[in-house]
Amino acid sequence: MLFDYRHIWKISYPILISMLMQQLVGITDVIYLGRLGEVELGASALGSTYFFTIFMVAFGFSIGAQIIMARRNGAKKYKNIGEVFYQGCSFLLMFWAAMVVLSWCVSPLLLTLLIDNEAVCRATLEYINWRIWGLAGASLLVMGRGFFVAVTKTYILTAVSMIMVIANIILNYIMIFGKFGFPAMGIAGAALASNLSEIIAVSFLGTYLYKYVDVAKYGLNKLTFMNFKLLKRILGVSIWTMLQQFVSVSTWFLFFIAIEHLGERELAVSNLVRSLSSFPYVIINALAAAVSSVTGNLMGKGQVGEVMPSVKRAVLMCGIIVFPLLILMAITAYPLLRIYTDNQVLIYASLPAYMVMLSAFIPLIPAWILFNAVSGTGNTQYAMKIEFYAMFLYVFHIFIVILYLKLPLAACWTADWVYNTAILFMAYRYMRSSKWQNKKI
């Protein structure tokens, strides 16, 4: 099967809508909390990034499972897909239970050590203590998404994501501000609304899966919980994506911690800028996720010669879509920031960092698609090496520019350029070689 532009877009489009809707959950939080104050706005940046640092370990596991399911789908070993899916769900539920206990024990001490501002620290901890319970729903959701991406039937993801974001918008309004008889929970309400919206989305996806998918074809009619031999095989692939995803988001958390040391306003500004970066990022990430699935399917079919042409098509398609969006976002910077806050000082303080953020997407387009192609080959260990190399340069840049030199915020955001360029260099070098072509998983 040739994955031309039409096929790549057919896989990518539902993933794009799914990711966009998922990002809108976080964007909604920022818009609502921006009306409460700079402390809540800054704390939501730290709290959500802290949560996602934990969640991305689960997401990394789902990517590894997705790679294996995609390879089995390409090889037409459909009945083996179900057992991989169930092992993934079982493992992630155990991971959730462990993280709830660990977070409640460790988070208060860790955040007190890392965050200078006492008010921001209290608000961040309040958010996390509620949000950590949502790890179960979020984990099952990404496993479900991994299944549908692996079998290249991604259309349902659009509906699921729309249901989740609509639920989150309504629940945020009710719980943050205390409407319809509910108490005003502030930042804790944002966390609880996210948890409940993910549970609603998982319920819908699960109902669809068992009602409209041929469960017998994919081995989903045989419920299995713990098969340690299979789990070991999944972890053999997933452990590197788990570490890679953890490192990737933990550097974001370190970035926000460093920014918090510059001041309350700089942290609030960075949260606004980060939130707006979601729009171009989801497009790139959707096409990159499609490339990972395409790579796994092509290698499962033995068509390794088609992998790099598919990657090139995805990069070109992504550039055609994203570059005009970046230009539009630069032109409409003020009205976009105005959506988040009425504070004029905060808006104008955000503009320099906002422009630097937009420019950093130039190297990210080829970098992230190539990087996901590396993961799609099954060589997740090398993908982790790429991530570690980029992370080292990123953290070094943070230390020098933010903590040592204390340069203006716009200069601090050049860290994205360092990270994206490093990923691009390493991923391109690997995919140009022939080392990946005979990778077995």
Protein backbone atom coordinates (compact mmCIF):
# COMPACT_ATOMS: atom_id res chain seq x y z
CA MET A 1 0.00 0.00 0.00
CA LEU A 2 1.37 3.41 -0.99
CA PHE A 3 0.89 6.10 1.65
CA ASP A 4 0.51 9.15 -0.57
CA TYR A 5 -0.63 12.63 0.54
CA ARG A 6 -4.27 11.56 0.59
CA HIS A 7 -3.62 8.53 2.80
CA ILE A 8 -1.37 10.46 5.18
CA TRP A 9 -4.01 13.18 5.53
CA LYS A 10 -6.76 10.59 5.98
CA ILE A 11 -4.89 9.19 8.99
CA SER A 12 -3.71 12.58 10.27
CA TYR A 13 -6.94 14.57 10.08
CA PRO A 14 -8.88 12.76 12.83
CA ILE A 15 -5.73 12.72 15.01
CA LEU A 16 -5.38 16.45 14.42
CA ILE A 17 -8.96 17.15 15.48
CA SER A 18 -8.53 14.82 18.45
CA MET A 19 -5.36 16.58 19.61
CA LEU A 20 -6.80 20.02 18.96
CA MET A 21 -9.83 19.21 21.08
CA GLN A 22 -7.55 17.82 23.80
CA GLN A 23 -5.46 20.99 23.74
CA LEU A 24 -8.63 23.05 23.99
CA VAL A 25 -9.17 21.45 27.39
CA GLY A 26 -5.97 23.10 28.64
CA ILE A 27 -6.66 26.32 26.74
CA THR A 28 -10.08 26.57 28.35
CA ASP A 29 -8.44 26.27 31.78
CA VAL A 30 -6.06 29.12 30.97
CA ILE A 31 -8.84 31.37 29.63
CA TYR A 32 -10.99 30.86 32.72
CA LEU A 33 -8.12 31.10 35.22
CA GLY A 34 -6.80 34.22 33.47
CA ARG A 35 -9.92 35.93 34.83
CA LEU A 36 -9.00 34.97 38.40
CA GLY A 37 -5.53 36.48 38.57
CA GLU A 38 -1.81 36.12 37.81
CA VAL A 39 -1.22 33.72 40.73
CA GLU A 40 -3.81 31.25 39.42
CA LEU A 41 -2.56 31.70 35.86
CA GLY A 42 1.03 30.98 36.86
CA ALA A 43 0.08 28.10 39.16
CA SER A 44 -1.94 26.44 36.40
CA ALA A 45 1.19 26.46 34.19
CA LEU A 46 3.23 24.75 36.88
CA GLY A 47 0.45 22.40 37.97
CA SER A 48 -0.56 21.26 34.50
CA THR A 49 3.06 20.79 33.41
CA TYR A 50 3.78 18.83 36.61
CA PHE A 51 0.79 16.58 35.91
CA PHE A 52 1.77 16.11 32.28
CA THR A 53 5.28 15.14 33.33
CA ILE A 54 3.70 12.16 35.09
CA PHE A 55 1.06 11.58 32.43
CA MET A 56 3.61 11.50 29.61
CA VAL A 57 5.13 8.35 31.12
CA ALA A 58 1.74 6.71 30.53
CA PHE A 59 1.54 8.35 27.11
CA GLY A 60 5.00 7.01 26.27
CA PHE A 61 3.87 3.51 27.18
CA SER A 62 0.84 3.89 24.90
CA ILE A 63 3.13 4.96 22.04
CA GLY A 64 5.22 1.81 22.47
CA ALA A 65 2.07 -0.31 22.52
CA GLN A 66 0.79 1.58 19.46
CA ILE A 67 4.02 0.83 17.57
CA ILE A 68 3.62 -2.90 18.27
CA MET A 69 -0.09 -2.87 17.37
CA ALA A 70 0.70 -1.00 14.12
CA ARG A 71 3.37 -3.56 13.23
CA ARG A 72 0.92 -6.42 13.89
CA ASN A 73 -1.73 -4.64 11.84
CA GLY A 74 0.68 -4.21 8.92
CA ALA A 75 1.61 -7.90 9.13
CA LYS A 76 -2.14 -8.79 9.24
CA LYS A 77 -1.75 -10.48 12.64
CA TYR A 78 -4.94 -8.83 13.79
CA LYS A 79 -5.81 -11.13 16.67
CA ASN A 80 -2.52 -10.26 18.43
CA ILE A 81 -3.58 -6.61 18.68
CA GLY A 82 -6.21 -7.15 21.37
CA GLU A 83 -3.87 -8.75 23.89
CA VAL A 84 -1.40 -5.88 23.48
CA PHE A 85 -4.24 -3.41 24.06
CA TYR A 86 -5.45 -5.15 27.24
CA GLN A 87 -1.95 -5.47 28.65
CA GLY A 88 -1.52 -1.74 28.09
CA CYS A 89 -4.74 -0.87 29.91
CA SER A 90 -3.89 -3.14 32.86
CA PHE A 91 -0.38 -1.75 33.22
CA LEU A 92 -1.54 1.87 33.06
CA LEU A 93 -4.20 1.37 35.74
CA MET A 94 -1.53 -0.02 38.07
CA PHE A 95 0.70 2.91 37.19
CA TRP A 96 -2.15 5.31 38.04
CA ALA A 97 -2.63 3.79 41.51
CA ALA A 98 1.09 4.04 42.25
CA MET A 99 1.29 7.67 41.07
CA VAL A 100 -1.67 8.80 43.20
CA VAL A 101 0.06 7.53 46.35
CA LEU A 102 3.46 8.87 45.30
CA SER A 103 2.11 12.29 44.37
CA TRP A 104 0.28 12.78 47.65
CA CYS A 105 3.44 11.85 49.57
CA VAL A 106 6.10 13.63 47.51
CA SER A 107 4.48 16.63 45.80
CA PRO A 108 4.14 18.90 48.88
CA LEU A 109 7.83 18.59 49.74
CA LEU A 110 9.05 18.81 46.14
CA LEU A 111 7.01 21.88 45.20
CA THR A 112 7.95 23.70 48.41
CA LEU A 113 11.62 23.21 47.50
CA LEU A 114 11.21 24.29 43.88
CA ILE A 115 8.73 27.20 43.99
CA ASP A 116 9.72 30.50 45.64
CA ASN A 117 6.32 32.23 45.70
CA GLU A 118 4.24 30.80 48.58
CA ALA A 119 0.87 31.72 47.02
CA VAL A 120 1.81 30.14 43.68
CA CYS A 121 3.07 27.03 45.51
CA ARG A 122 -0.20 26.58 47.43
CA ALA A 123 -2.32 27.03 44.31
CA THR A 124 -0.12 24.60 42.31
CA LEU A 125 -0.43 21.92 45.00
CA GLU A 126 -4.19 22.41 45.19
CA TYR A 127 -4.43 21.82 41.44
CA ILE A 128 -2.22 18.72 41.50
CA ASN A 129 -4.01 17.06 44.44
CA TRP A 130 -7.21 17.06 42.38
CA ARG A 131 -5.72 16.51 38.93
CA ILE A 132 -3.70 13.39 39.77
CA TRP A 133 -6.93 11.40 40.12
CA GLY A 134 -7.61 12.04 36.43
CA LEU A 135 -4.52 10.08 35.40
CA ALA A 136 -6.65 6.90 35.11
CA GLY A 137 -9.07 8.39 32.58
CA ALA A 138 -6.30 10.15 30.65
CA SER A 139 -4.26 6.93 30.44
CA LEU A 140 -7.14 4.79 29.18
CA LEU A 141 -7.96 7.51 26.66
CA VAL A 142 -4.47 7.45 25.11
CA MET A 143 -4.49 3.64 24.99
CA GLY A 144 -7.79 3.80 23.11
CA ARG A 145 -6.36 6.40 20.77
CA GLY A 146 -3.26 4.22 20.28
CA PHE A 147 -5.44 1.31 19.15
CA PHE A 148 -7.37 3.33 16.58
CA VAL A 149 -4.21 5.00 15.24
CA ALA A 150 -2.46 1.61 14.96
CA VAL A 151 -5.27 0.10 12.88
CA THR A 152 -5.52 3.39 10.89
CA LYS A 153 -9.20 3.89 11.78
CA THR A 154 -8.88 7.28 13.38
CA TYR A 155 -12.21 8.88 12.44
CA ILE A 156 -13.89 8.18 15.83
CA LEU A 157 -11.21 10.20 17.64
CA THR A 158 -12.76 13.41 16.34
CA ALA A 159 -16.12 12.76 17.97
CA VAL A 160 -14.55 11.61 21.25
CA SER A 161 -12.40 14.72 21.49
CA MET A 162 -15.29 17.06 20.71
CA ILE A 163 -17.36 15.46 23.47
CA MET A 164 -14.45 15.88 25.90
CA VAL A 165 -13.84 19.55 25.14
CA ILE A 166 -17.54 20.48 25.28
CA ALA A 167 -17.85 18.72 28.64
CA ASN A 168 -14.73 20.47 29.90
CA ILE A 169 -15.93 23.94 28.88
CA ILE A 170 -19.24 23.45 30.67
CA LEU A 171 -17.73 21.82 33.75
CA ASN A 172 -14.98 24.45 34.01
CA TYR A 173 -17.54 27.25 34.05
CA ILE A 174 -19.59 25.50 36.71
CA MET A 175 -16.75 24.42 39.00
CA ILE A 176 -14.27 27.29 38.76
CA PHE A 177 -16.83 30.05 39.32
CA GLY A 178 -19.44 28.07 41.28
CA LYS A 179 -22.56 28.04 39.10
CA PHE A 180 -25.88 26.14 39.35
CA GLY A 181 -25.51 25.61 43.09
CA PHE A 182 -21.95 24.27 43.01
CA PRO A 183 -19.26 25.88 45.22
CA ALA A 184 -16.65 28.11 43.54
CA MET A 185 -13.55 25.89 43.55
CA GLY A 186 -11.16 28.15 41.62
CA ILE A 187 -8.06 26.36 40.35
CA ALA A 188 -9.17 23.05 41.93
CA GLY A 189 -12.35 23.29 39.86
CA ALA A 190 -10.28 23.39 36.67
CA ALA A 191 -8.53 20.17 37.68
CA LEU A 192 -11.78 18.40 38.60
CA ALA A 193 -13.46 19.52 35.37
CA SER A 194 -10.60 18.03 33.33
CA ASN A 195 -10.86 14.74 35.24
CA LEU A 196 -14.61 14.43 34.68
CA SER A 197 -14.41 15.37 30.99
CA GLU A 198 -11.82 12.61 30.40
CA ILE A 199 -14.03 10.04 32.14
CA ILE A 200 -16.92 11.05 29.86
CA ALA A 201 -14.66 10.71 26.79
CA VAL A 202 -13.37 7.27 27.86
CA SER A 203 -16.93 6.05 28.43
CA PHE A 204 -17.95 7.14 24.93
CA LEU A 205 -14.85 5.62 23.29
CA GLY A 206 -15.29 2.33 25.14
CA THR A 207 -18.96 2.12 24.14
CA TYR A 208 -18.07 2.75 20.49
CA LEU A 209 -15.22 0.23 20.55
CA TYR A 210 -17.36 -2.66 21.73
CA LYS A 211 -20.45 -1.74 19.75
CA TYR A 212 -19.06 -0.84 16.31
CA VAL A 213 -15.59 -2.41 16.03
CA ASP A 214 -15.12 -6.07 15.00
CA VAL A 215 -13.82 -7.15 18.39
CA ALA A 216 -13.27 -10.76 17.28
CA LYS A 217 -11.06 -9.67 14.37
CA TYR A 218 -8.69 -7.77 16.66
CA GLY A 219 -8.78 -10.29 19.52
CA LEU A 220 -10.68 -7.89 21.77
CA ASN A 221 -13.26 -10.55 22.64
CA LYS A 222 -10.71 -12.32 24.86
CA LEU A 223 -10.15 -10.19 27.92
CA THR A 224 -6.64 -10.69 29.34
CA PHE A 225 -5.14 -8.83 32.26
CA MET A 226 -1.58 -9.78 33.13
CA ASN A 227 0.62 -11.69 30.69
CA PHE A 228 4.09 -10.92 31.99
CA LYS A 229 5.85 -12.32 28.95
CA LEU A 230 3.89 -10.03 26.63
CA LEU A 231 4.17 -7.11 29.05
CA LYS A 232 7.94 -7.54 29.04
CA ARG A 233 7.93 -7.40 25.25
CA ILE A 234 5.79 -4.24 25.25
CA LEU A 235 8.03 -2.62 27.85
CA GLY A 236 11.06 -3.54 25.73
CA VAL A 237 9.72 -1.06 23.18
CA SER A 238 7.83 1.26 25.50
CA ILE A 239 10.41 1.86 28.21
CA TRP A 240 12.35 4.17 25.92
CA THR A 241 9.30 6.12 24.78
CA MET A 242 8.23 6.38 28.43
CA LEU A 243 11.60 7.81 29.40
CA GLN A 244 11.67 10.00 26.30
CA GLN A 245 8.23 11.47 26.99
CA PHE A 246 9.06 11.99 30.67
CA VAL A 247 12.29 13.78 29.84
CA SER A 248 10.59 15.84 27.13
CA VAL A 249 7.89 17.27 29.42
CA SER A 250 10.04 17.43 32.55
CA THR A 251 12.26 19.91 30.72
CA TRP A 252 9.13 22.04 30.20
CA PHE A 253 8.50 21.82 33.94
CA LEU A 254 12.10 22.87 34.64
CA PHE A 255 11.64 25.75 32.21
CA PHE A 256 8.58 27.02 34.09
CA ILE A 257 10.30 26.55 37.45
CA ALA A 258 13.22 28.65 36.17
CA ILE A 259 10.81 31.29 34.83
CA GLU A 260 9.02 31.38 38.23
CA HIS A 261 12.31 32.54 39.75
CA LEU A 262 12.21 35.57 37.44
CA GLY A 263 8.84 36.68 38.80
CA GLU A 264 5.08 36.15 38.99
CA ARG A 265 4.42 38.15 35.82
CA GLU A 266 7.03 36.30 33.74
CA LEU A 267 5.41 33.00 34.77
CA ALA A 268 1.93 34.23 33.84
CA VAL A 269 3.22 35.50 30.47
CA SER A 270 4.89 32.17 29.75
CA ASN A 271 1.65 30.33 30.42
CA LEU A 272 -0.18 32.51 27.89
CA VAL A 273 2.55 31.97 25.30
CA ARG A 274 2.65 28.23 25.91
CA SER A 275 -1.12 27.96 25.57
CA LEU A 276 -1.11 29.72 22.18
CA SER A 277 1.71 27.47 20.97
CA SER A 278 -0.81 24.60 21.12
CA PHE A 279 -2.43 25.50 17.80
CA PRO A 280 0.51 24.93 15.43
CA TYR A 281 1.89 22.19 17.66
CA VAL A 282 -1.17 19.94 17.35
CA ILE A 283 -0.94 20.04 13.54
CA ILE A 284 2.70 19.01 13.61
CA ASN A 285 2.06 16.37 16.28
CA ALA A 286 -0.90 14.89 14.37
CA LEU A 287 1.10 14.46 11.17
CA ALA A 288 4.02 13.11 13.21
CA ALA A 289 1.74 10.56 14.93
CA ALA A 290 0.46 9.49 11.50
CA VAL A 291 4.05 9.08 10.27
CA SER A 292 4.84 6.85 13.25
CA SER A 293 1.85 4.63 12.41
CA VAL A 294 2.65 4.66 8.68
CA THR A 295 6.27 3.70 9.38
CA GLY A 296 5.18 0.76 11.56
CA ASN A 297 2.66 -0.44 8.98
CA LEU A 298 5.10 -0.16 6.07
CA MET A 299 7.80 -2.04 7.96
CA GLY A 300 5.27 -4.69 8.95
CA LYS A 301 4.49 -5.15 5.23
CA GLY A 302 8.21 -5.25 4.38
CA GLN A 303 7.99 -2.01 2.33
CA VAL A 304 10.89 -0.16 3.98
CA GLY A 305 11.67 1.68 0.75
CA GLU A 306 8.42 3.63 1.08
CA VAL A 307 9.17 4.99 4.57
CA MET A 308 11.36 8.00 3.67
CA PRO A 309 9.16 9.13 0.74
CA SER A 310 6.19 9.07 3.15
CA VAL A 311 8.17 11.11 5.69
CA LYS A 312 9.04 13.71 3.02
CA ARG A 313 5.39 13.99 1.99
CA ALA A 314 4.38 14.55 5.61
CA VAL A 315 7.03 17.27 6.11
CA LEU A 316 5.93 19.10 2.95
CA MET A 317 2.25 18.81 3.84
CA CYS A 318 2.94 20.06 7.36
CA GLY A 319 4.91 23.06 6.09
CA ILE A 320 2.15 24.04 3.67
CA ILE A 321 -0.40 24.00 6.51
CA VAL A 322 1.65 25.42 9.40
CA PHE A 323 3.64 28.30 7.83
CA PRO A 324 0.55 30.32 6.83
CA LEU A 325 -0.87 29.68 10.31
CA LEU A 326 2.30 31.03 11.94
CA ILE A 327 2.12 34.18 9.82
CA LEU A 328 -1.56 34.65 10.69
CA MET A 329 -0.84 34.16 14.40
CA ALA A 330 1.95 36.76 14.24
CA ILE A 331 -0.35 39.29 12.57
CA THR A 332 -3.20 38.69 15.05
CA ALA A 333 -1.02 38.48 18.19
CA TYR A 334 -2.88 41.14 20.19
CA PRO A 335 -6.45 39.85 19.67
CA LEU A 336 -5.32 36.29 20.39
CA LEU A 337 -3.72 37.31 23.69
CA ARG A 338 -6.77 39.42 24.47
CA ILE A 339 -8.86 36.24 24.57
CA TYR A 340 -6.93 35.11 27.63
CA THR A 341 -6.75 38.26 29.72
CA ASP A 342 -8.00 41.83 30.01
CA ASN A 343 -4.70 42.94 31.56
CA GLN A 344 -3.07 45.23 28.97
CA VAL A 345 0.32 45.18 30.70
CA LEU A 346 0.31 41.39 30.62
CA ILE A 347 -0.65 41.35 26.93
CA TYR A 348 2.14 43.72 25.82
CA ALA A 349 4.65 41.94 28.06
CA SER A 350 3.80 38.71 26.22
CA LEU A 351 4.43 39.91 22.67
CA PRO A 352 8.26 39.50 22.41
CA ALA A 353 8.26 35.97 23.87
CA TYR A 354 5.23 35.12 21.72
CA MET A 355 7.11 36.00 18.50
CA VAL A 356 10.14 33.95 19.53
CA MET A 357 7.85 31.01 20.25
CA LEU A 358 6.30 31.19 16.77
CA SER A 359 9.69 31.30 15.07
CA ALA A 360 10.82 28.11 16.86
CA PHE A 361 8.27 26.09 14.89
CA ILE A 362 10.41 26.45 11.76
CA PRO A 363 12.88 23.71 12.78
CA LEU A 364 10.20 21.80 14.74
CA ILE A 365 8.23 20.80 11.61
CA PRO A 366 10.86 18.49 10.06
CA ALA A 367 12.34 17.64 13.47
CA TRP A 368 9.21 16.21 15.05
CA ILE A 369 8.08 14.27 11.99
CA LEU A 370 11.52 12.69 11.57
CA PHE A 371 11.69 11.98 15.28
CA ASN A 372 8.36 10.14 15.21
CA ALA A 373 9.55 8.18 12.19
CA VAL A 374 12.50 7.03 14.32
CA SER A 375 10.07 5.84 17.01
CA GLY A 376 7.88 4.21 14.34
CA THR A 377 10.78 2.00 13.22
CA GLY A 378 10.69 0.42 16.68
CA ASN A 379 14.10 1.73 17.70
CA THR A 380 12.74 3.59 20.69
CA GLN A 381 16.08 3.29 22.49
CA TYR A 382 17.74 5.48 19.87
CA ALA A 383 14.80 7.88 20.03
CA MET A 384 15.52 8.18 23.75
CA LYS A 385 19.16 8.98 22.98
CA ILE A 386 18.02 11.78 20.68
CA GLU A 387 15.73 13.13 23.39
CA PHE A 388 18.47 12.99 26.01
CA TYR A 389 20.92 14.82 23.76
CA ALA A 390 18.38 17.56 23.02
CA MET A 391 17.34 17.75 26.68
CA PHE A 392 20.92 18.24 27.83
CA LEU A 393 21.39 21.21 25.50
CA TYR A 394 17.96 22.60 26.49
CA VAL A 395 18.65 22.45 30.23
CA PHE A 396 22.13 23.92 29.77
CA HIS A 397 20.57 26.81 27.83
CA ILE A 398 17.99 27.34 30.61
CA PHE A 399 20.70 27.41 33.27
CA ILE A 400 22.86 29.95 31.42
CA VAL A 401 20.18 32.24 29.96
CA ILE A 402 17.56 32.21 32.72
CA LEU A 403 19.18 31.30 36.03
CA TYR A 404 22.69 32.70 35.50
CA LEU A 405 22.38 35.65 33.10
CA LYS A 406 18.69 36.38 33.91
CA LEU A 407 18.09 37.70 30.40
CA PRO A 408 14.71 39.11 29.27
CA LEU A 409 11.87 36.62 28.82
CA ALA A 410 12.06 36.64 25.01
CA ALA A 411 15.68 35.44 25.20
CA CYS A 412 14.61 32.69 27.59
CA TRP A 413 12.17 31.35 24.98
CA THR A 414 15.03 30.76 22.52
CA ALA A 415 15.46 27.48 24.43
CA ASP A 416 12.88 26.04 22.01
CA TRP A 417 15.22 26.78 19.10
CA VAL A 418 18.02 24.88 20.82
CA TYR A 419 15.83 21.86 21.54
CA ASN A 420 14.16 21.66 18.12
CA THR A 421 17.41 22.05 16.18
CA ALA A 422 19.08 19.30 18.21
CA ILE A 423 16.17 16.91 17.55
CA LEU A 424 16.28 17.71 13.83
CA PHE A 425 20.00 17.05 13.49
CA MET A 426 19.99 13.70 15.30
CA ALA A 427 16.74 12.33 13.80
CA TYR A 428 17.74 13.28 10.24
CA ARG A 429 21.14 11.63 10.61
CA TYR A 430 19.56 8.38 11.81
CA MET A 431 16.85 8.19 9.14
CA ARG A 432 19.40 8.89 6.41
CA SER A 433 21.27 5.76 7.48
CA SER A 434 20.10 2.19 6.82
CA LYS A 435 20.38 1.03 10.45
CA TRP A 436 16.63 1.08 11.05
CA GLN A 437 15.52 -0.93 8.03
CA ASN A 438 15.83 -4.41 9.60
CA LYS A 439 14.62 -3.52 13.11
CA LYS A 440 12.52 -6.35 14.60
CA ILE A 441 10.03 -5.94 17.46
